[in-house]
Amino acid sequence: MSEHCLFCKIIGGQIPANKLYEDDDLIAFHDISPQAPVHFLVIPKKHIVGPAFMEAEDEQLIGKMLRTGARLAAELGLVDGFRLVFNNGAAAGQTVFHIHLHILGGRQLQWPPG
């Protein structure tokens, strides 16, 4: 964990979050600035800066993030569809440099997104 990382502080319990799920590898919680009626994040407890910083050993963990996000989306009633988003770098909109998966749904999402 990184002592200055917002998400590491959430993982460590130093900052509260509205949690949806937690296990030994992941935590999922509602986004504090939702961009859709349902907007939550799935993050690994391992500090990885972003998708470009993944190692081969992280592939299973990232797959688990995707699977967990899809399961939680279904549990939250997103049966008509949802969007999964990874941002990589400031130019892509990443503001917390700890890899995280956004799950958005509950309304018609437009394309292109940005």
PDB file of N, CA and C in Angstrom:
ATOM      1  N   MET A   1       0.841  -1.189   0.000  1.00  0.00           N
ATOM      2  CA  MET A   1       0.000   0.000   0.000  1.00  0.00           C
ATOM      3  C   MET A   1       0.878   1.241   0.000  1.00  0.00           C
ATOM      4  N   SER A   2       0.309   2.291  -0.527  1.00  0.00           N
ATOM      5  CA  SER A   2       0.986   3.579  -0.557  1.00  0.00           C
ATOM      6  C   SER A   2       0.380   4.476   0.514  1.00  0.00           C
ATOM      7  N   GLU A   3       1.215   5.069   1.345  1.00  0.00           N
ATOM      8  CA  GLU A   3       0.712   5.869   2.463  1.00  0.00           C
ATOM      9  C   GLU A   3      -0.006   7.142   2.029  1.00  0.00           C
ATOM     10  N   HIS A   4       0.211   7.597   0.791  1.00  0.00           N
ATOM     11  CA  HIS A   4      -0.412   8.829   0.316  1.00  0.00           C
ATOM     12  C   HIS A   4      -1.614   8.589  -0.600  1.00  0.00           C
ATOM     13  N   CYS A   5      -1.907   7.344  -0.888  1.00  0.00           N
ATOM     14  CA  CYS A   5      -2.960   6.999  -1.838  1.00  0.00           C
ATOM     15  C   CYS A   5      -4.330   6.997  -1.153  1.00  0.00           C
ATOM     16  N   LEU A   6      -5.273   7.730  -1.721  1.00  0.00           N
ATOM     17  CA  LEU A   6      -6.630   7.802  -1.189  1.00  0.00           C
ATOM     18  C   LEU A   6      -7.254   6.413  -1.073  1.00  0.00           C
ATOM     19  N   PHE A   7      -7.143   5.598  -2.110  1.00  0.00           N
ATOM     20  CA  PHE A   7      -7.761   4.283  -2.083  1.00  0.00           C
ATOM     21  C   PHE A   7      -7.067   3.353  -1.083  1.00  0.00           C
ATOM     22  N   CYS A   8      -5.759   3.481  -0.917  1.00  0.00           N
ATOM     23  CA  CYS A   8      -5.073   2.684   0.099  1.00  0.00           C
ATOM     24  C   CYS A   8      -5.564   3.068   1.492  1.00  0.00           C
ATOM     25  N   LYS A   9      -5.888   4.343   1.683  1.00  0.00           N
ATOM     26  CA  LYS A   9      -6.429   4.784   2.974  1.00  0.00           C
ATOM     27  C   LYS A   9      -7.835   4.222   3.195  1.00  0.00           C
ATOM     28  N   ILE A  10      -8.624   4.107   2.135  1.00  0.00           N
ATOM     29  CA  ILE A  10      -9.939   3.465   2.251  1.00  0.00           C
ATOM     30  C   ILE A  10      -9.762   1.991   2.607  1.00  0.00           C
ATOM     31  N   ILE A  11      -8.855   1.320   1.930  1.00  0.00           N
ATOM     32  CA  ILE A  11      -8.577  -0.094   2.202  1.00  0.00           C
ATOM     33  C   ILE A  11      -8.138  -0.280   3.660  1.00  0.00           C
ATOM     34  N   GLY A  12      -7.309   0.631   4.151  1.00  0.00           N
ATOM     35  CA  GLY A  12      -6.799   0.549   5.507  1.00  0.00           C
ATOM     36  C   GLY A  12      -7.769   1.012   6.585  1.00  0.00           C
ATOM     37  N   GLY A  13      -8.941   1.509   6.168  1.00  0.00           N
ATOM     38  CA  GLY A  13      -9.942   1.946   7.129  1.00  0.00           C
ATOM     39  C   GLY A  13      -9.728   3.351   7.664  1.00  0.00           C
ATOM     40  N   GLN A  14      -8.772   4.079   7.108  1.00  0.00           N
ATOM     41  CA  GLN A  14      -8.501   5.449   7.558  1.00  0.00           C
ATOM     42  C   GLN A  14      -9.514   6.443   7.008  1.00  0.00           C
ATOM     43  N   ILE A  15     -10.123   6.108   5.884  1.00  0.00           N
ATOM     44  CA  ILE A  15     -11.155   6.934   5.259  1.00  0.00           C
ATOM     45  C   ILE A  15     -12.373   6.041   5.063  1.00  0.00           C
ATOM     46  N   PRO A  16     -13.565   6.511   5.482  1.00  0.00           N
ATOM     47  CA  PRO A  16     -14.763   5.672   5.331  1.00  0.00           C
ATOM     48  C   PRO A  16     -15.224   5.602   3.878  1.00  0.00           C
ATOM     49  N   ALA A  17     -15.905   4.522   3.554  1.00  0.00           N
ATOM     50  CA  ALA A  17     -16.495   4.336   2.225  1.00  0.00           C
ATOM     51  C   ALA A  17     -17.794   3.560   2.394  1.00  0.00           C
ATOM     52  N   ASN A  18     -18.712   3.792   1.472  1.00  0.00           N
ATOM     53  CA  ASN A  18     -19.982   3.064   1.458  1.00  0.00           C
ATOM     54  C   ASN A  18     -19.743   1.746   0.710  1.00  0.00           C
ATOM     55  N   LYS A  19     -19.288   0.735   1.446  1.00  0.00           N
ATOM     56  CA  LYS A  19     -18.838  -0.523   0.854  1.00  0.00           C
ATOM     57  C   LYS A  19     -19.996  -1.383   0.371  1.00  0.00           C
ATOM     58  N   LEU A  20     -19.764  -2.008  -0.768  1.00  0.00           N
ATOM     59  CA  LEU A  20     -20.666  -3.007  -1.333  1.00  0.00           C
ATOM     60  C   LEU A  20     -20.130  -4.418  -1.116  1.00  0.00           C
ATOM     61  N   TYR A  21     -18.813  -4.538  -1.084  1.00  0.00           N
ATOM     62  CA  TYR A  21     -18.184  -5.860  -1.077  1.00  0.00           C
ATOM     63  C   TYR A  21     -16.750  -5.717  -0.594  1.00  0.00           C
ATOM     64  N   GLU A  22     -16.263  -6.751   0.077  1.00  0.00           N
ATOM     65  CA  GLU A  22     -14.852  -6.805   0.441  1.00  0.00           C
ATOM     66  C   GLU A  22     -14.455  -8.256   0.646  1.00  0.00           C
ATOM     67  N   ASP A  23     -13.264  -8.607   0.166  1.00  0.00           N
ATOM     68  CA  ASP A  23     -12.662  -9.904   0.448  1.00  0.00           C
ATOM     69  C   ASP A  23     -11.165  -9.680   0.650  1.00  0.00           C
ATOM     70  N   ASP A  24     -10.377 -10.724   0.616  1.00  0.00           N
ATOM     71  CA  ASP A  24      -8.937 -10.595   0.852  1.00  0.00           C
ATOM     72  C   ASP A  24      -8.216  -9.820  -0.241  1.00  0.00           C
ATOM     73  N   ASP A  25      -8.791  -9.776  -1.450  1.00  0.00           N
ATOM     74  CA  ASP A  25      -8.125  -9.167  -2.602  1.00  0.00           C
ATOM     75  C   ASP A  25      -8.714  -7.834  -3.040  1.00  0.00           C
ATOM     76  N   LEU A  26     -10.023  -7.658  -2.849  1.00  0.00           N
ATOM     77  CA  LEU A  26     -10.741  -6.538  -3.450  1.00  0.00           C
ATOM     78  C   LEU A  26     -11.628  -5.824  -2.448  1.00  0.00           C
ATOM     79  N   ILE A  27     -11.978  -4.612  -2.822  1.00  0.00           N
ATOM     80  CA  ILE A  27     -13.024  -3.875  -2.124  1.00  0.00           C
ATOM     81  C   ILE A  27     -13.834  -3.145  -3.191  1.00  0.00           C
ATOM     82  N   ALA A  28     -15.134  -3.068  -2.986  1.00  0.00           N
ATOM     83  CA  ALA A  28     -16.020  -2.332  -3.901  1.00  0.00           C
ATOM     84  C   ALA A  28     -16.836  -1.365  -3.052  1.00  0.00           C
ATOM     85  N   PHE A  29     -17.013  -0.159  -3.571  1.00  0.00           N
ATOM     86  CA  PHE A  29     -17.755   0.858  -2.840  1.00  0.00           C
ATOM     87  C   PHE A  29     -18.369   1.856  -3.814  1.00  0.00           C
ATOM     88  N   HIS A  30     -19.406   2.540  -3.351  1.00  0.00           N
ATOM     89  CA  HIS A  30     -20.085   3.549  -4.169  1.00  0.00           C
ATOM     90  C   HIS A  30     -19.163   4.735  -4.410  1.00  0.00           C
ATOM     91  N   ASP A  31     -19.189   5.268  -5.624  1.00  0.00           N
ATOM     92  CA  ASP A  31     -18.410   6.450  -5.975  1.00  0.00           C
ATOM     93  C   ASP A  31     -18.982   7.660  -5.233  1.00  0.00           C
ATOM     94  N   ILE A  32     -18.115   8.522  -4.722  1.00  0.00           N
ATOM     95  CA  ILE A  32     -18.597   9.696  -3.981  1.00  0.00           C
ATOM     96  C   ILE A  32     -19.089  10.809  -4.911  1.00  0.00           C
ATOM     97  N   SER A  33     -18.814  10.692  -6.195  1.00  0.00           N
ATOM     98  CA  SER A  33     -19.286  11.658  -7.179  1.00  0.00           C
ATOM     99  C   SER A  33     -19.910  10.893  -8.348  1.00  0.00           C
ATOM    100  N   PRO A  34     -21.074  10.274  -8.122  1.00  0.00           N
ATOM    101  CA  PRO A  34     -21.640   9.374  -9.133  1.00  0.00           C
ATOM    102  C   PRO A  34     -21.987  10.081 -10.443  1.00  0.00           C
ATOM    103  N   GLN A  35     -21.691   9.406 -11.541  1.00  0.00           N
ATOM    104  CA  GLN A  35     -21.977   9.904 -12.883  1.00  0.00           C
ATOM    105  C   GLN A  35     -23.161   9.186 -13.516  1.00  0.00           C
ATOM    106  N   ALA A  36     -23.808   8.329 -12.749  1.00  0.00           N
ATOM    107  CA  ALA A  36     -24.988   7.580 -13.192  1.00  0.00           C
ATOM    108  C   ALA A  36     -25.748   7.181 -11.924  1.00  0.00           C
ATOM    109  N   PRO A  37     -27.020   6.778 -12.059  1.00  0.00           N
ATOM    110  CA  PRO A  37     -27.774   6.365 -10.868  1.00  0.00           C
ATOM    111  C   PRO A  37     -27.081   5.273 -10.059  1.00  0.00           C
ATOM    112  N   VAL A  38     -26.400   4.370 -10.736  1.00  0.00           N
ATOM    113  CA  VAL A  38     -25.551   3.381 -10.061  1.00  0.00           C
ATOM    114  C   VAL A  38     -24.134   3.621 -10.554  1.00  0.00           C
ATOM    115  N   HIS A  39     -23.242   3.904  -9.631  1.00  0.00           N
ATOM    116  CA  HIS A  39     -21.833   4.131  -9.973  1.00  0.00           C
ATOM    117  C   HIS A  39     -21.001   3.679  -8.777  1.00  0.00           C
ATOM    118  N   PHE A  40     -20.274   2.593  -8.976  1.00  0.00           N
ATOM    119  CA  PHE A  40     -19.409   2.096  -7.917  1.00  0.00           C
ATOM    120  C   PHE A  40     -18.050   1.733  -8.490  1.00  0.00           C
ATOM    121  N   LEU A  41     -17.094   1.559  -7.593  1.00  0.00           N
ATOM    122  CA  LEU A  41     -15.727   1.226  -7.962  1.00  0.00           C
ATOM    123  C   LEU A  41     -15.361  -0.131  -7.389  1.00  0.00           C
ATOM    124  N   VAL A  42     -14.543  -0.853  -8.130  1.00  0.00           N
ATOM    125  CA  VAL A  42     -13.937  -2.090  -7.642  1.00  0.00           C
ATOM    126  C   VAL A  42     -12.435  -1.863  -7.703  1.00  0.00           C
ATOM    127  N   ILE A  43     -11.764  -2.043  -6.563  1.00  0.00           N
ATOM    128  CA  ILE A  43     -10.323  -1.812  -6.520  1.00  0.00           C
ATOM    129  C   ILE A  43      -9.630  -3.005  -5.863  1.00  0.00           C
ATOM    130  N   PRO A  44      -8.403  -3.275  -6.298  1.00  0.00           N
ATOM    131  CA  PRO A  44      -7.629  -4.309  -5.613  1.00  0.00           C
ATOM    132  C   PRO A  44      -7.000  -3.727  -4.357  1.00  0.00           C
ATOM    133  N   LYS A  45      -6.780  -4.564  -3.390  1.00  0.00           N
ATOM    134  CA  LYS A  45      -6.081  -4.115  -2.187  1.00  0.00           C
ATOM    135  C   LYS A  45      -4.591  -3.920  -2.469  1.00  0.00           C
ATOM    136  N   LYS A  46      -4.087  -4.586  -3.484  1.00  0.00           N
ATOM    137  CA  LYS A  46      -2.705  -4.378  -3.913  1.00  0.00           C
ATOM    138  C   LYS A  46      -2.630  -3.040  -4.638  1.00  0.00           C
ATOM    139  N   HIS A  47      -1.666  -2.218  -4.280  1.00  0.00           N
ATOM    140  CA  HIS A  47      -1.505  -0.921  -4.943  1.00  0.00           C
ATOM    141  C   HIS A  47      -0.841  -1.120  -6.307  1.00  0.00           C
ATOM    142  N   ILE A  48      -1.602  -0.832  -7.350  1.00  0.00           N
ATOM    143  CA  ILE A  48      -1.116  -0.820  -8.729  1.00  0.00           C
ATOM    144  C   ILE A  48      -1.509   0.553  -9.256  1.00  0.00           C
ATOM    145  N   VAL A  49      -0.580   1.305  -9.798  1.00  0.00           N
ATOM    146  CA  VAL A  49      -0.838   2.686 -10.199  1.00  0.00           C
ATOM    147  C   VAL A  49      -1.959   2.791 -11.233  1.00  0.00           C
ATOM    148  N   GLY A  50      -1.959   1.937 -12.228  1.00  0.00           N
ATOM    149  CA  GLY A  50      -2.979   1.969 -13.276  1.00  0.00           C
ATOM    150  C   GLY A  50      -2.782   0.803 -14.224  1.00  0.00           C
ATOM    151  N   PRO A  51      -3.641   0.670 -15.227  1.00  0.00           N
ATOM    152  CA  PRO A  51      -3.538  -0.459 -16.150  1.00  0.00           C
ATOM    153  C   PRO A  51      -2.167  -0.615 -16.814  1.00  0.00           C
ATOM    154  N   ALA A  52      -1.509   0.482 -17.129  1.00  0.00           N
ATOM    155  CA  ALA A  52      -0.199   0.407 -17.782  1.00  0.00           C
ATOM    156  C   ALA A  52       0.887  -0.113 -16.844  1.00  0.00           C
ATOM    157  N   PHE A  53       0.591  -0.186 -15.559  1.00  0.00           N
ATOM    158  CA  PHE A  53       1.576  -0.613 -14.573  1.00  0.00           C
ATOM    159  C   PHE A  53       1.349  -2.038 -14.087  1.00  0.00           C
ATOM    160  N   MET A  54       0.398  -2.733 -14.704  1.00  0.00           N
ATOM    161  CA  MET A  54       0.128  -4.125 -14.330  1.00  0.00           C
ATOM    162  C   MET A  54       1.295  -5.020 -14.724  1.00  0.00           C
ATOM    163  N   GLU A  55       1.503  -6.043 -13.922  1.00  0.00           N
ATOM    164  CA  GLU A  55       2.482  -7.082 -14.227  1.00  0.00           C
ATOM    165  C   GLU A  55       1.704  -8.335 -14.626  1.00  0.00           C
ATOM    166  N   ALA A  56       2.382  -9.288 -15.238  1.00  0.00           N
ATOM    167  CA  ALA A  56       1.735 -10.548 -15.621  1.00  0.00           C
ATOM    168  C   ALA A  56       1.075 -11.215 -14.418  1.00  0.00           C
ATOM    169  N   GLU A  57       1.677 -11.092 -13.255  1.00  0.00           N
ATOM    170  CA  GLU A  57       1.129 -11.712 -12.042  1.00  0.00           C
ATOM    171  C   GLU A  57      -0.190 -11.079 -11.601  1.00  0.00           C
ATOM    172  N   ASP A  58      -0.538  -9.903 -12.144  1.00  0.00           N
ATOM    173  CA  ASP A  58      -1.776  -9.204 -11.776  1.00  0.00           C
ATOM    174  C   ASP A  58      -2.970  -9.600 -12.634  1.00  0.00           C
ATOM    175  N   GLU A  59      -2.753 -10.388 -13.670  1.00  0.00           N
ATOM    176  CA  GLU A  59      -3.830 -10.707 -14.602  1.00  0.00           C
ATOM    177  C   GLU A  59      -5.013 -11.389 -13.923  1.00  0.00           C
ATOM    178  N   GLN A  60      -4.777 -12.326 -13.051  1.00  0.00           N
ATOM    179  CA  GLN A  60      -5.865 -13.022 -12.369  1.00  0.00           C
ATOM    180  C   GLN A  60      -6.630 -12.051 -11.463  1.00  0.00           C
ATOM    181  N   LEU A  61      -5.921 -11.166 -10.793  1.00  0.00           N
ATOM    182  CA  LEU A  61      -6.548 -10.179  -9.921  1.00  0.00           C
ATOM    183  C   LEU A  61      -7.453  -9.238 -10.713  1.00  0.00           C
ATOM    184  N   ILE A  62      -6.988  -8.794 -11.868  1.00  0.00           N
ATOM    185  CA  ILE A  62      -7.792  -7.882 -12.685  1.00  0.00           C
ATOM    186  C   ILE A  62      -9.016  -8.623 -13.237  1.00  0.00           C
ATOM    187  N   GLY A  63      -8.856  -9.876 -13.604  1.00  0.00           N
ATOM    188  CA  GLY A  63     -10.009 -10.688 -14.011  1.00  0.00           C
ATOM    189  C   GLY A  63     -11.021 -10.813 -12.891  1.00  0.00           C
ATOM    190  N   LYS A  64     -10.548 -10.978 -11.676  1.00  0.00           N
ATOM    191  CA  LYS A  64     -11.445 -11.055 -10.524  1.00  0.00           C
ATOM    192  C   LYS A  64     -12.182  -9.735 -10.319  1.00  0.00           C
ATOM    193  N   MET A  65     -11.513  -8.619 -10.586  1.00  0.00           N
ATOM    194  CA  MET A  65     -12.180  -7.306 -10.503  1.00  0.00           C
ATOM    195  C   MET A  65     -13.356  -7.248 -11.480  1.00  0.00           C
ATOM    196  N   LEU A  66     -13.128  -7.687 -12.698  1.00  0.00           N
ATOM    197  CA  LEU A  66     -14.177  -7.669 -13.723  1.00  0.00           C
ATOM    198  C   LEU A  66     -15.345  -8.563 -13.338  1.00  0.00           C
ATOM    199  N   ARG A  67     -15.041  -9.776 -12.931  1.00  0.00           N
ATOM    200  CA  ARG A  67     -16.082 -10.727 -12.540  1.00  0.00           C
ATOM    201  C   ARG A  67     -16.878 -10.217 -11.341  1.00  0.00           C
ATOM    202  N   THR A  68     -16.193  -9.679 -10.353  1.00  0.00           N
ATOM    203  CA  THR A  68     -16.863  -9.152  -9.163  1.00  0.00           C
ATOM    204  C   THR A  68     -17.726  -7.953  -9.513  1.00  0.00           C
ATOM    205  N   GLY A  69     -17.216  -7.065 -10.364  1.00  0.00           N
ATOM    206  CA  GLY A  69     -18.001  -5.907 -10.790  1.00  0.00           C
ATOM    207  C   GLY A  69     -19.273  -6.308 -11.509  1.00  0.00           C
ATOM    208  N   ALA A  70     -19.181  -7.293 -12.375  1.00  0.00           N
ATOM    209  CA  ALA A  70     -20.363  -7.766 -13.106  1.00  0.00           C
ATOM    210  C   ALA A  70     -21.380  -8.405 -12.157  1.00  0.00           C
ATOM    211  N   ARG A  71     -20.905  -9.173 -11.200  1.00  0.00           N
ATOM    212  CA  ARG A  71     -21.810  -9.803 -10.229  1.00  0.00           C
ATOM    213  C   ARG A  71     -22.511  -8.746  -9.380  1.00  0.00           C
ATOM    214  N   LEU A  72     -21.764  -7.750  -8.915  1.00  0.00           N
ATOM    215  CA  LEU A  72     -22.369  -6.687  -8.105  1.00  0.00           C
ATOM    216  C   LEU A  72     -23.360  -5.862  -8.933  1.00  0.00           C
ATOM    217  N   ALA A  73     -23.044  -5.627 -10.199  1.00  0.00           N
ATOM    218  CA  ALA A  73     -23.967  -4.900 -11.076  1.00  0.00           C
ATOM    219  C   ALA A  73     -25.298  -5.642 -11.174  1.00  0.00           C
ATOM    220  N   ALA A  74     -25.236  -6.955 -11.332  1.00  0.00           N
ATOM    221  CA  ALA A  74     -26.462  -7.752 -11.391  1.00  0.00           C
ATOM    222  C   ALA A  74     -27.219  -7.671 -10.072  1.00  0.00           C
ATOM    223  N   GLU A  75     -26.498  -7.750  -8.957  1.00  0.00           N
ATOM    224  CA  GLU A  75     -27.141  -7.669  -7.643  1.00  0.00           C
ATOM    225  C   GLU A  75     -27.814  -6.316  -7.422  1.00  0.00           C
ATOM    226  N   LEU A  76     -27.286  -5.274  -8.052  1.00  0.00           N
ATOM    227  CA  LEU A  76     -27.855  -3.929  -7.920  1.00  0.00           C
ATOM    228  C   LEU A  76     -28.932  -3.653  -8.973  1.00  0.00           C
ATOM    229  N   GLY A  77     -29.286  -4.680  -9.741  1.00  0.00           N
ATOM    230  CA  GLY A  77     -30.396  -4.557 -10.681  1.00  0.00           C
ATOM    231  C   GLY A  77     -30.053  -4.026 -12.053  1.00  0.00           C
ATOM    232  N   LEU A  78     -28.796  -4.002 -12.415  1.00  0.00           N
ATOM    233  CA  LEU A  78     -28.410  -3.492 -13.731  1.00  0.00           C
ATOM    234  C   LEU A  78     -28.544  -4.586 -14.783  1.00  0.00           C
ATOM    235  N   VAL A  79     -29.791  -5.017 -15.012  1.00  0.00           N
ATOM    236  CA  VAL A  79     -30.054  -6.135 -15.916  1.00  0.00           C
ATOM    237  C   VAL A  79     -30.085  -5.710 -17.379  1.00  0.00           C
ATOM    238  N   ASP A  80     -30.321  -4.423 -17.650  1.00  0.00           N
ATOM    239  CA  ASP A  80     -30.376  -3.943 -19.028  1.00  0.00           C
ATOM    240  C   ASP A  80     -29.018  -3.524 -19.575  1.00  0.00           C
ATOM    241  N   GLY A  81     -28.006  -3.537 -18.728  1.00  0.00           N
ATOM    242  CA  GLY A  81     -26.665  -3.193 -19.172  1.00  0.00           C
ATOM    243  C   GLY A  81     -25.966  -2.258 -18.208  1.00  0.00           C
ATOM    244  N   PHE A  82     -24.657  -2.216 -18.355  1.00  0.00           N
ATOM    245  CA  PHE A  82     -23.823  -1.340 -17.536  1.00  0.00           C
ATOM    246  C   PHE A  82     -22.509  -1.144 -18.269  1.00  0.00           C
ATOM    247  N   ARG A  83     -21.782  -0.132 -17.854  1.00  0.00           N
ATOM    248  CA  ARG A  83     -20.490   0.171 -18.469  1.00  0.00           C
ATOM    249  C   ARG A  83     -19.388  -0.097 -17.453  1.00  0.00           C
ATOM    250  N   LEU A  84     -18.286  -0.674 -17.947  1.00  0.00           N
ATOM    251  CA  LEU A  84     -17.085  -0.896 -17.146  1.00  0.00           C
ATOM    252  C   LEU A  84     -15.996   0.005 -17.703  1.00  0.00           C
ATOM    253  N   VAL A  85     -15.343   0.779 -16.835  1.00  0.00           N
ATOM    254  CA  VAL A  85     -14.350   1.754 -17.289  1.00  0.00           C
ATOM    255  C   VAL A  85     -13.086   1.667 -16.443  1.00  0.00           C
ATOM    256  N   PHE A  86     -11.953   1.540 -17.126  1.00  0.00           N
ATOM    257  CA  PHE A  86     -10.632   1.740 -16.532  1.00  0.00           C
ATOM    258  C   PHE A  86     -10.056   2.991 -17.181  1.00  0.00           C
ATOM    259  N   ASN A  87      -9.587   3.938 -16.396  1.00  0.00           N
ATOM    260  CA  ASN A  87      -8.864   5.090 -16.927  1.00  0.00           C
ATOM    261  C   ASN A  87      -7.383   4.875 -16.646  1.00  0.00           C
ATOM    262  N   ASN A  88      -6.537   5.316 -17.571  1.00  0.00           N
ATOM    263  CA  ASN A  88      -5.098   5.168 -17.392  1.00  0.00           C
ATOM    264  C   ASN A  88      -4.416   6.502 -17.661  1.00  0.00           C
ATOM    265  N   GLY A  89      -4.002   7.170 -16.611  1.00  0.00           N
ATOM    266  CA  GLY A  89      -3.292   8.436 -16.743  1.00  0.00           C
ATOM    267  C   GLY A  89      -4.209   9.638 -16.658  1.00  0.00           C
ATOM    268  N   ALA A  90      -3.620  10.765 -16.324  1.00  0.00           N
ATOM    269  CA  ALA A  90      -4.379  12.001 -16.134  1.00  0.00           C
ATOM    270  C   ALA A  90      -5.124  12.423 -17.401  1.00  0.00           C
ATOM    271  N   ALA A  91      -4.524  12.252 -18.567  1.00  0.00           N
ATOM    272  CA  ALA A  91      -5.174  12.655 -19.816  1.00  0.00           C
ATOM    273  C   ALA A  91      -6.427  11.835 -20.099  1.00  0.00           C
ATOM    274  N   ALA A  92      -6.535  10.654 -19.492  1.00  0.00           N
ATOM    275  CA  ALA A  92      -7.712   9.804 -19.662  1.00  0.00           C
ATOM    276  C   ALA A  92      -8.739  10.032 -18.564  1.00  0.00           C
ATOM    277  N   GLY A  93      -8.432  10.904 -17.615  1.00  0.00           N
ATOM    278  CA  GLY A  93      -9.367  11.195 -16.537  1.00  0.00           C
ATOM    279  C   GLY A  93      -9.066  10.492 -15.231  1.00  0.00           C
ATOM    280  N   GLN A  94      -7.941   9.778 -15.150  1.00  0.00           N
ATOM    281  CA  GLN A  94      -7.600   9.119 -13.890  1.00  0.00           C
ATOM    282  C   GLN A  94      -7.181  10.182 -12.880  1.00  0.00           C
ATOM    283  N   THR A  95      -7.854  10.210 -11.737  1.00  0.00           N
ATOM    284  CA  THR A  95      -7.533  11.197 -10.703  1.00  0.00           C
ATOM    285  C   THR A  95      -6.939  10.554  -9.450  1.00  0.00           C
ATOM    286  N   VAL A  96      -7.198   9.273  -9.244  1.00  0.00           N
ATOM    287  CA  VAL A  96      -6.574   8.529  -8.150  1.00  0.00           C
ATOM    288  C   VAL A  96      -5.697   7.471  -8.800  1.00  0.00           C
ATOM    289  N   PHE A  97      -4.417   7.527  -8.505  1.00  0.00           N
ATOM    290  CA  PHE A  97      -3.470   6.666  -9.191  1.00  0.00           C
ATOM    291  C   PHE A  97      -3.261   5.353  -8.440  1.00  0.00           C
ATOM    292  N   HIS A  98      -4.379   4.632  -8.374  1.00  0.00           N
ATOM    293  CA  HIS A  98      -4.490   3.267  -7.854  1.00  0.00           C
ATOM    294  C   HIS A  98      -5.533   2.641  -8.782  1.00  0.00           C
ATOM    295  N   ILE A  99      -5.164   1.599  -9.495  1.00  0.00           N
ATOM    296  CA  ILE A  99      -6.062   1.030 -10.503  1.00  0.00           C
ATOM    297  C   ILE A  99      -7.456   0.801  -9.916  1.00  0.00           C
ATOM    298  N   HIS A 100      -8.463   1.190 -10.667  1.00  0.00           N
ATOM    299  CA  HIS A 100      -9.841   1.004 -10.213  1.00  0.00           C
ATOM    300  C   HIS A 100     -10.765   0.865 -11.408  1.00  0.00           C
ATOM    301  N   LEU A 101     -11.783   0.060 -11.210  1.00  0.00           N
ATOM    302  CA  LEU A 101     -12.779  -0.212 -12.230  1.00  0.00           C
ATOM    303  C   LEU A 101     -14.060   0.507 -11.846  1.00  0.00           C
ATOM    304  N   HIS A 102     -14.521   1.398 -12.738  1.00  0.00           N
ATOM    305  CA  HIS A 102     -15.808   2.054 -12.557  1.00  0.00           C
ATOM    306  C   HIS A 102     -16.892   1.167 -13.164  1.00  0.00           C
ATOM    307  N   ILE A 103     -18.001   0.998 -12.466  1.00  0.00           N
ATOM    308  CA  ILE A 103     -19.190   0.335 -13.001  1.00  0.00           C
ATOM    309  C   ILE A 103     -20.293   1.382 -12.956  1.00  0.00           C
ATOM    310  N   LEU A 104     -20.876   1.681 -14.132  1.00  0.00           N
ATOM    311  CA  LEU A 104     -21.923   2.693 -14.242  1.00  0.00           C
ATOM    312  C   LEU A 104     -23.148   2.099 -14.912  1.00  0.00           C
ATOM    313  N   GLY A 105     -24.313   2.463 -14.422  1.00  0.00           N
ATOM    314  CA  GLY A 105     -25.546   2.000 -15.038  1.00  0.00           C
ATOM    315  C   GLY A 105     -26.759   2.659 -14.407  1.00  0.00           C
ATOM    316  N   GLY A 106     -27.912   2.173 -14.814  1.00  0.00           N
ATOM    317  CA  GLY A 106     -29.158   2.705 -14.282  1.00  0.00           C
ATOM    318  C   GLY A 106     -29.756   3.803 -15.135  1.00  0.00           C
ATOM    319  N   ARG A 107     -29.136   4.103 -16.260  1.00  0.00           N
ATOM    320  CA  ARG A 107     -29.664   5.066 -17.239  1.00  0.00           C
ATOM    321  C   ARG A 107     -29.058   4.713 -18.594  1.00  0.00           C
ATOM    322  N   GLN A 108     -29.614   5.298 -19.647  1.00  0.00           N
ATOM    323  CA  GLN A 108     -29.061   5.097 -20.988  1.00  0.00           C
ATOM    324  C   GLN A 108     -27.713   5.812 -21.059  1.00  0.00           C
ATOM    325  N   LEU A 109     -26.662   5.087 -21.348  1.00  0.00           N
ATOM    326  CA  LEU A 109     -25.324   5.667 -21.449  1.00  0.00           C
ATOM    327  C   LEU A 109     -25.030   5.997 -22.904  1.00  0.00           C
ATOM    328  N   GLN A 110     -24.415   7.128 -23.129  1.00  0.00           N
ATOM    329  CA  GLN A 110     -24.136   7.601 -24.485  1.00  0.00           C
ATOM    330  C   GLN A 110     -22.781   7.117 -24.974  1.00  0.00           C
ATOM    331  N   TRP A 111     -22.609   7.134 -26.303  1.00  0.00           N
ATOM    332  CA  TRP A 111     -21.333   6.791 -26.925  1.00  0.00           C
ATOM    333  C   TRP A 111     -21.034   7.789 -28.013  1.00  0.00           C
ATOM    334  N   PRO A 112     -19.870   8.337 -28.131  1.00  0.00           N
ATOM    335  CA  PRO A 112     -18.704   8.065 -27.283  1.00  0.00           C
ATOM    336  C   PRO A 112     -18.855   8.706 -25.909  1.00  0.00           C
ATOM    337  N   PRO A 113     -18.164   8.141 -24.914  1.00  0.00           N
ATOM    338  CA  PRO A 113     -18.352   8.602 -23.547  1.00  0.00           C
ATOM    339  C   PRO A 113     -17.706   9.924 -23.203  1.00  0.00           C
ATOM    340  N   GLY A 114     -16.633  10.317 -23.873  1.00  0.00           N
ATOM    341  CA  GLY A 114     -15.921  11.488 -23.403  1.00  0.00           C
ATOM    342  C   GLY A 114     -15.810  12.546 -24.414  1.00  0.00           C
TER     343      GLY A 114
END
